[in-house]
Protein backbone atom coordinates (compact mmCIF):
# COMPACT_ATOMS: atom_id res chain seq x y z
CA UNK A 1 0.00 0.00 0.00
CA UNK A 2 1.14 3.56 -0.66
CA UNK A 3 1.85 5.98 2.18
CA UNK A 4 -1.04 8.23 3.05
CA UNK A 5 -0.71 11.81 4.24
CA UNK A 6 -2.82 13.99 6.51
CA UNK A 7 -5.12 15.07 3.68
CA UNK A 8 -5.81 11.44 2.68
CA UNK A 9 -7.58 10.58 5.94
CA UNK A 10 -11.13 11.20 7.12
CA UNK A 11 -12.98 10.46 10.33
CA UNK A 12 -14.60 7.04 10.21
CA UNK A 13 -12.00 5.52 7.91
CA UNK A 14 -10.93 1.97 8.88
CA UNK A 15 -7.92 -0.15 7.97
CA UNK A 16 -7.22 -3.78 8.88
CA UNK A 17 -3.97 -5.70 8.99
CA UNK A 18 -3.33 -9.30 8.15
CA UNK A 19 -3.09 -11.86 10.93
CA UNK A 20 -0.12 -12.88 13.03
CA UNK A 21 -0.03 -15.97 15.23
CA UNK A 22 1.66 -15.50 18.61
CA UNK A 23 4.20 -18.27 19.18
CA UNK A 24 5.98 -19.83 22.12
CA UNK A 25 9.13 -18.10 20.89
CA UNK A 26 7.38 -14.71 20.95
CA UNK A 27 6.45 -15.24 24.60
CA UNK A 28 9.95 -16.38 25.61
CA UNK A 29 11.80 -13.70 23.65
CA UNK A 30 9.57 -10.96 25.08
CA UNK A 31 10.22 -12.28 28.61
CA UNK A 32 13.94 -12.11 27.85
CA UNK A 33 13.75 -8.64 26.32
CA UNK A 34 11.55 -7.13 29.03
CA UNK A 35 12.91 -9.08 32.00
CA UNK A 36 9.32 -9.90 32.97
CA UNK A 37 9.37 -13.54 34.07
CA UNK A 38 6.17 -13.36 36.10
CA UNK A 39 4.90 -16.92 36.59
CA UNK A 40 1.64 -16.13 34.74
CA UNK A 41 3.86 -15.77 31.64
CA UNK A 42 6.69 -18.21 32.33
CA UNK A 43 5.49 -21.05 34.58
CA UNK A 44 3.04 -23.47 32.94
CA UNK A 45 2.31 -25.26 36.23
CA UNK A 46 1.53 -22.01 38.04
CA UNK A 47 -0.52 -20.61 35.14
CA UNK A 48 -2.46 -23.87 34.82
CA UNK A 49 -3.87 -23.27 38.31
CA UNK A 50 -5.15 -19.79 37.46
CA UNK A 51 -8.53 -18.94 36.02
CA UNK A 52 -6.90 -18.84 32.57
CA UNK A 53 -5.63 -22.46 32.85
CA UNK A 54 -2.57 -21.54 30.76
CA UNK A 55 0.18 -18.95 30.45
CA UNK A 56 -0.92 -15.47 29.43
CA UNK A 57 1.12 -13.51 26.88
CA UNK A 58 2.41 -10.17 28.19
CA UNK A 59 -0.06 -7.35 27.57
CA UNK A 60 2.80 -5.11 26.50
CA UNK A 61 3.74 -7.66 23.84
CA UNK A 62 0.26 -7.05 22.42
CA UNK A 63 1.03 -3.33 22.19
CA UNK A 64 4.32 -4.08 20.43
CA UNK A 65 2.59 -6.41 17.96
CA UNK A 66 -0.07 -3.73 17.31
CA UNK A 67 2.59 -1.18 16.38
CA UNK A 68 4.24 -3.75 14.11
CA UNK A 69 0.93 -4.43 12.41
CA UNK A 70 0.51 -0.69 11.98
CA UNK A 71 3.77 -0.65 10.06
CA UNK A 72 2.62 -3.69 8.06
CA UNK A 73 -0.32 -1.66 6.74
CA UNK A 74 2.20 0.49 4.85
CA UNK A 75 0.02 3.59 5.00
CA UNK A 76 2.40 5.52 7.27
CA UNK A 77 5.72 4.36 5.83
CA UNK A 78 6.83 7.72 4.41
CA UNK A 79 4.41 10.03 6.19
CA UNK A 80 4.73 9.37 9.93
CA UNK A 81 6.72 11.85 11.98
CA UNK A 82 6.09 10.51 15.49
CA UNK A 83 3.66 8.64 17.72
CA UNK A 84 2.59 11.28 20.24
CA UNK A 85 0.62 9.26 22.78
CA UNK A 86 -0.90 5.98 23.79
CA UNK A 87 -4.06 6.58 25.81
CA UNK A 88 -6.85 4.65 27.47
CA UNK A 89 -5.24 1.30 26.58
CA UNK A 90 -7.35 -1.60 27.79
CA UNK A 91 -6.34 -5.22 28.11
CA UNK A 92 -9.82 -6.60 27.43
CA UNK A 93 -9.20 -10.35 26.96
CA UNK A 94 -5.96 -12.27 27.53
CA UNK A 95 -3.71 -13.21 24.65
CA UNK A 96 -2.47 -16.80 24.63
CA UNK A 97 0.22 -18.65 22.68
CA UNK A 98 -1.26 -19.72 19.31
CA UNK A 99 -3.77 -16.86 19.20
CA UNK A 100 -3.86 -15.17 15.80
CA UNK A 101 -4.17 -11.42 16.12
CA UNK A 102 -4.99 -8.67 13.68
CA UNK A 103 -5.26 -4.91 14.03
CA UNK A 104 -8.23 -2.77 13.08
CA UNK A 105 -7.29 0.90 12.91
CA UNK A 106 -10.09 3.46 13.09
CA UNK A 107 -9.51 7.14 12.32
CA UNK A 108 -11.19 9.18 15.06
CA UNK A 109 -10.08 12.78 14.56
CA UNK A 110 -7.87 15.07 12.49
CA UNK A 111 -6.35 18.33 13.65
CA UNK A 112 -4.55 20.33 10.97
CA UNK A 113 -3.27 22.86 13.48
CA UNK A 114 -1.31 25.85 12.23
CA UNK A 115 1.58 23.98 10.64
CA UNK A 116 1.81 23.70 6.88
CA UNK A 117 4.02 20.64 7.30
CA UNK A 118 2.13 18.34 9.69
CA UNK A 119 -1.13 17.58 11.42
CA UNK A 120 -2.33 15.39 14.27
CA UNK A 121 -4.19 12.16 13.54
CA UNK A 122 -6.12 10.43 16.35
CA UNK A 123 -6.46 6.68 15.86
CA UNK A 124 -8.11 3.83 17.70
CA UNK A 125 -6.20 0.55 17.79
CA UNK A 126 -8.44 -2.51 18.13
CA UNK A 127 -6.58 -5.82 18.45
CA UNK A 128 -8.77 -8.80 17.57
CA UNK A 129 -8.10 -12.50 18.00
CA UNK A 130 -9.11 -15.38 15.74
CA UNK A 131 -12.58 -15.43 17.33
CA UNK A 132 -13.09 -11.71 16.52
CA UNK A 133 -12.88 -10.91 20.24
CA UNK A 134 -11.29 -7.60 21.18
CA UNK A 135 -8.15 -8.42 23.16
CA UNK A 136 -6.74 -4.89 23.41
CA UNK A 137 -8.08 -1.46 22.62
CA UNK A 138 -6.58 2.01 22.86
CA UNK A 139 -6.19 5.47 21.39
CA UNK A 140 -3.04 6.92 19.87
CA UNK A 141 -2.25 10.35 18.47
CA UNK A 142 0.41 10.70 15.81
CA UNK A 143 2.07 13.56 14.02
CA UNK A 144 1.81 13.01 10.28
CA UNK A 145 3.14 14.92 7.30
CA UNK A 146 0.86 16.98 5.14
CA UNK A 147 1.10 16.26 1.43
CA UNK A 148 2.84 19.54 0.61
CA UNK A 149 5.64 18.73 3.06
CA UNK A 150 6.37 15.33 1.54
C-alpha atoms as a PDB file:
ATOM      1  CA  UNK A   1       0.000   0.000   0.000  1.00  0.00           C
ATOM      2  CA  UNK A   2       1.137   3.559  -0.656  1.00  0.00           C
ATOM      3  CA  UNK A   3       1.851   5.975   2.179  1.00  0.00           C
ATOM      4  CA  UNK A   4      -1.042   8.227   3.048  1.00  0.00           C
ATOM      5  CA  UNK A   5      -0.710  11.810   4.243  1.00  0.00           C
ATOM      6  CA  UNK A   6      -2.816  13.991   6.512  1.00  0.00           C
ATOM      7  CA  UNK A   7      -5.123  15.067   3.678  1.00  0.00           C
ATOM      8  CA  UNK A   8      -5.810  11.439   2.684  1.00  0.00           C
ATOM      9  CA  UNK A   9      -7.583  10.577   5.943  1.00  0.00           C
ATOM     10  CA  UNK A  10     -11.133  11.199   7.121  1.00  0.00           C
ATOM     11  CA  UNK A  11     -12.984  10.460  10.330  1.00  0.00           C
ATOM     12  CA  UNK A  12     -14.603   7.039  10.209  1.00  0.00           C
ATOM     13  CA  UNK A  13     -12.001   5.516   7.913  1.00  0.00           C
ATOM     14  CA  UNK A  14     -10.928   1.970   8.881  1.00  0.00           C
ATOM     15  CA  UNK A  15      -7.921  -0.148   7.965  1.00  0.00           C
ATOM     16  CA  UNK A  16      -7.221  -3.779   8.881  1.00  0.00           C
ATOM     17  CA  UNK A  17      -3.966  -5.700   8.990  1.00  0.00           C
ATOM     18  CA  UNK A  18      -3.330  -9.301   8.150  1.00  0.00           C
ATOM     19  CA  UNK A  19      -3.091 -11.859  10.926  1.00  0.00           C
ATOM     20  CA  UNK A  20      -0.116 -12.879  13.028  1.00  0.00           C
ATOM     21  CA  UNK A  21      -0.028 -15.968  15.228  1.00  0.00           C
ATOM     22  CA  UNK A  22       1.656 -15.503  18.608  1.00  0.00           C
ATOM     23  CA  UNK A  23       4.201 -18.266  19.181  1.00  0.00           C
ATOM     24  CA  UNK A  24       5.976 -19.830  22.122  1.00  0.00           C
ATOM     25  CA  UNK A  25       9.131 -18.096  20.890  1.00  0.00           C
ATOM     26  CA  UNK A  26       7.378 -14.711  20.952  1.00  0.00           C
ATOM     27  CA  UNK A  27       6.453 -15.237  24.602  1.00  0.00           C
ATOM     28  CA  UNK A  28       9.947 -16.382  25.605  1.00  0.00           C
ATOM     29  CA  UNK A  29      11.798 -13.701  23.651  1.00  0.00           C
ATOM     30  CA  UNK A  30       9.573 -10.964  25.079  1.00  0.00           C
ATOM     31  CA  UNK A  31      10.216 -12.281  28.606  1.00  0.00           C
ATOM     32  CA  UNK A  32      13.937 -12.111  27.849  1.00  0.00           C
ATOM     33  CA  UNK A  33      13.749  -8.640  26.323  1.00  0.00           C
ATOM     34  CA  UNK A  34      11.550  -7.128  29.030  1.00  0.00           C
ATOM     35  CA  UNK A  35      12.911  -9.085  31.997  1.00  0.00           C
ATOM     36  CA  UNK A  36       9.323  -9.905  32.972  1.00  0.00           C
ATOM     37  CA  UNK A  37       9.373 -13.536  34.067  1.00  0.00           C
ATOM     38  CA  UNK A  38       6.169 -13.356  36.100  1.00  0.00           C
ATOM     39  CA  UNK A  39       4.901 -16.917  36.588  1.00  0.00           C
ATOM     40  CA  UNK A  40       1.645 -16.126  34.744  1.00  0.00           C
ATOM     41  CA  UNK A  41       3.858 -15.770  31.639  1.00  0.00           C
ATOM     42  CA  UNK A  42       6.691 -18.211  32.332  1.00  0.00           C
ATOM     43  CA  UNK A  43       5.494 -21.053  34.576  1.00  0.00           C
ATOM     44  CA  UNK A  44       3.041 -23.470  32.940  1.00  0.00           C
ATOM     45  CA  UNK A  45       2.314 -25.259  36.234  1.00  0.00           C
ATOM     46  CA  UNK A  46       1.528 -22.011  38.037  1.00  0.00           C
ATOM     47  CA  UNK A  47      -0.521 -20.606  35.142  1.00  0.00           C
ATOM     48  CA  UNK A  48      -2.465 -23.867  34.822  1.00  0.00           C
ATOM     49  CA  UNK A  49      -3.867 -23.273  38.308  1.00  0.00           C
ATOM     50  CA  UNK A  50      -5.149 -19.788  37.465  1.00  0.00           C
ATOM     51  CA  UNK A  51      -8.533 -18.938  36.024  1.00  0.00           C
ATOM     52  CA  UNK A  52      -6.896 -18.842  32.570  1.00  0.00           C
ATOM     53  CA  UNK A  53      -5.634 -22.457  32.849  1.00  0.00           C
ATOM     54  CA  UNK A  54      -2.571 -21.542  30.763  1.00  0.00           C
ATOM     55  CA  UNK A  55       0.178 -18.954  30.449  1.00  0.00           C
ATOM     56  CA  UNK A  56      -0.916 -15.470  29.426  1.00  0.00           C
ATOM     57  CA  UNK A  57       1.116 -13.506  26.881  1.00  0.00           C
ATOM     58  CA  UNK A  58       2.407 -10.167  28.188  1.00  0.00           C
ATOM     59  CA  UNK A  59      -0.064  -7.350  27.566  1.00  0.00           C
ATOM     60  CA  UNK A  60       2.797  -5.108  26.497  1.00  0.00           C
ATOM     61  CA  UNK A  61       3.741  -7.661  23.836  1.00  0.00           C
ATOM     62  CA  UNK A  62       0.262  -7.049  22.424  1.00  0.00           C
ATOM     63  CA  UNK A  63       1.033  -3.329  22.194  1.00  0.00           C
ATOM     64  CA  UNK A  64       4.318  -4.078  20.432  1.00  0.00           C
ATOM     65  CA  UNK A  65       2.588  -6.409  17.960  1.00  0.00           C
ATOM     66  CA  UNK A  66      -0.068  -3.734  17.314  1.00  0.00           C
ATOM     67  CA  UNK A  67       2.594  -1.177  16.384  1.00  0.00           C
ATOM     68  CA  UNK A  68       4.238  -3.747  14.113  1.00  0.00           C
ATOM     69  CA  UNK A  69       0.926  -4.425  12.411  1.00  0.00           C
ATOM     70  CA  UNK A  70       0.508  -0.691  11.978  1.00  0.00           C
ATOM     71  CA  UNK A  71       3.774  -0.650  10.058  1.00  0.00           C
ATOM     72  CA  UNK A  72       2.621  -3.694   8.061  1.00  0.00           C
ATOM     73  CA  UNK A  73      -0.323  -1.660   6.742  1.00  0.00           C
ATOM     74  CA  UNK A  74       2.200   0.487   4.852  1.00  0.00           C
ATOM     75  CA  UNK A  75       0.017   3.589   4.998  1.00  0.00           C
ATOM     76  CA  UNK A  76       2.400   5.518   7.274  1.00  0.00           C
ATOM     77  CA  UNK A  77       5.720   4.359   5.830  1.00  0.00           C
ATOM     78  CA  UNK A  78       6.825   7.725   4.407  1.00  0.00           C
ATOM     79  CA  UNK A  79       4.405  10.034   6.194  1.00  0.00           C
ATOM     80  CA  UNK A  80       4.730   9.372   9.925  1.00  0.00           C
ATOM     81  CA  UNK A  81       6.721  11.846  11.976  1.00  0.00           C
ATOM     82  CA  UNK A  82       6.086  10.506  15.492  1.00  0.00           C
ATOM     83  CA  UNK A  83       3.657   8.640  17.716  1.00  0.00           C
ATOM     84  CA  UNK A  84       2.586  11.277  20.241  1.00  0.00           C
ATOM     85  CA  UNK A  85       0.622   9.261  22.777  1.00  0.00           C
ATOM     86  CA  UNK A  86      -0.904   5.978  23.786  1.00  0.00           C
ATOM     87  CA  UNK A  87      -4.063   6.584  25.808  1.00  0.00           C
ATOM     88  CA  UNK A  88      -6.851   4.650  27.468  1.00  0.00           C
ATOM     89  CA  UNK A  89      -5.244   1.305  26.581  1.00  0.00           C
ATOM     90  CA  UNK A  90      -7.347  -1.601  27.789  1.00  0.00           C
ATOM     91  CA  UNK A  91      -6.339  -5.222  28.115  1.00  0.00           C
ATOM     92  CA  UNK A  92      -9.817  -6.604  27.425  1.00  0.00           C
ATOM     93  CA  UNK A  93      -9.202 -10.346  26.959  1.00  0.00           C
ATOM     94  CA  UNK A  94      -5.965 -12.269  27.535  1.00  0.00           C
ATOM     95  CA  UNK A  95      -3.712 -13.206  24.654  1.00  0.00           C
ATOM     96  CA  UNK A  96      -2.465 -16.801  24.633  1.00  0.00           C
ATOM     97  CA  UNK A  97       0.221 -18.648  22.684  1.00  0.00           C
ATOM     98  CA  UNK A  98      -1.256 -19.715  19.311  1.00  0.00           C
ATOM     99  CA  UNK A  99      -3.773 -16.859  19.202  1.00  0.00           C
ATOM    100  CA  UNK A 100      -3.856 -15.175  15.801  1.00  0.00           C
ATOM    101  CA  UNK A 101      -4.167 -11.421  16.120  1.00  0.00           C
ATOM    102  CA  UNK A 102      -4.987  -8.669  13.676  1.00  0.00           C
ATOM    103  CA  UNK A 103      -5.257  -4.912  14.029  1.00  0.00           C
ATOM    104  CA  UNK A 104      -8.228  -2.767  13.076  1.00  0.00           C
ATOM    105  CA  UNK A 105      -7.287   0.895  12.908  1.00  0.00           C
ATOM    106  CA  UNK A 106     -10.089   3.457  13.089  1.00  0.00           C
ATOM    107  CA  UNK A 107      -9.508   7.138  12.321  1.00  0.00           C
ATOM    108  CA  UNK A 108     -11.191   9.178  15.062  1.00  0.00           C
ATOM    109  CA  UNK A 109     -10.082  12.781  14.557  1.00  0.00           C
ATOM    110  CA  UNK A 110      -7.866  15.070  12.493  1.00  0.00           C
ATOM    111  CA  UNK A 111      -6.350  18.334  13.651  1.00  0.00           C
ATOM    112  CA  UNK A 112      -4.551  20.327  10.970  1.00  0.00           C
ATOM    113  CA  UNK A 113      -3.271  22.865  13.481  1.00  0.00           C
ATOM    114  CA  UNK A 114      -1.309  25.853  12.233  1.00  0.00           C
ATOM    115  CA  UNK A 115       1.580  23.980  10.635  1.00  0.00           C
ATOM    116  CA  UNK A 116       1.814  23.704   6.879  1.00  0.00           C
ATOM    117  CA  UNK A 117       4.016  20.636   7.296  1.00  0.00           C
ATOM    118  CA  UNK A 118       2.134  18.338   9.691  1.00  0.00           C
ATOM    119  CA  UNK A 119      -1.125  17.578  11.420  1.00  0.00           C
ATOM    120  CA  UNK A 120      -2.333  15.394  14.266  1.00  0.00           C
ATOM    121  CA  UNK A 121      -4.191  12.161  13.542  1.00  0.00           C
ATOM    122  CA  UNK A 122      -6.118  10.429  16.348  1.00  0.00           C
ATOM    123  CA  UNK A 123      -6.456   6.682  15.861  1.00  0.00           C
ATOM    124  CA  UNK A 124      -8.111   3.832  17.705  1.00  0.00           C
ATOM    125  CA  UNK A 125      -6.199   0.551  17.792  1.00  0.00           C
ATOM    126  CA  UNK A 126      -8.437  -2.507  18.131  1.00  0.00           C
ATOM    127  CA  UNK A 127      -6.581  -5.823  18.448  1.00  0.00           C
ATOM    128  CA  UNK A 128      -8.775  -8.799  17.572  1.00  0.00           C
ATOM    129  CA  UNK A 129      -8.101 -12.504  18.000  1.00  0.00           C
ATOM    130  CA  UNK A 130      -9.111 -15.381  15.736  1.00  0.00           C
ATOM    131  CA  UNK A 131     -12.579 -15.432  17.328  1.00  0.00           C
ATOM    132  CA  UNK A 132     -13.089 -11.715  16.519  1.00  0.00           C
ATOM    133  CA  UNK A 133     -12.876 -10.910  20.242  1.00  0.00           C
ATOM    134  CA  UNK A 134     -11.294  -7.603  21.185  1.00  0.00           C
ATOM    135  CA  UNK A 135      -8.151  -8.418  23.156  1.00  0.00           C
ATOM    136  CA  UNK A 136      -6.738  -4.893  23.407  1.00  0.00           C
ATOM    137  CA  UNK A 137      -8.075  -1.462  22.619  1.00  0.00           C
ATOM    138  CA  UNK A 138      -6.576   2.010  22.856  1.00  0.00           C
ATOM    139  CA  UNK A 139      -6.193   5.472  21.392  1.00  0.00           C
ATOM    140  CA  UNK A 140      -3.041   6.921  19.875  1.00  0.00           C
ATOM    141  CA  UNK A 141      -2.252  10.355  18.471  1.00  0.00           C
ATOM    142  CA  UNK A 142       0.406  10.697  15.808  1.00  0.00           C
ATOM    143  CA  UNK A 143       2.069  13.559  14.024  1.00  0.00           C
ATOM    144  CA  UNK A 144       1.809  13.006  10.282  1.00  0.00           C
ATOM    145  CA  UNK A 145       3.141  14.917   7.296  1.00  0.00           C
ATOM    146  CA  UNK A 146       0.856  16.983   5.137  1.00  0.00           C
ATOM    147  CA  UNK A 147       1.104  16.259   1.432  1.00  0.00           C
ATOM    148  CA  UNK A 148       2.843  19.545   0.611  1.00  0.00           C
ATOM    149  CA  UNK A 149       5.636  18.734   3.065  1.00  0.00           C
ATOM    150  CA  UNK A 150       6.372  15.328   1.536  1.00  0.00           C
END
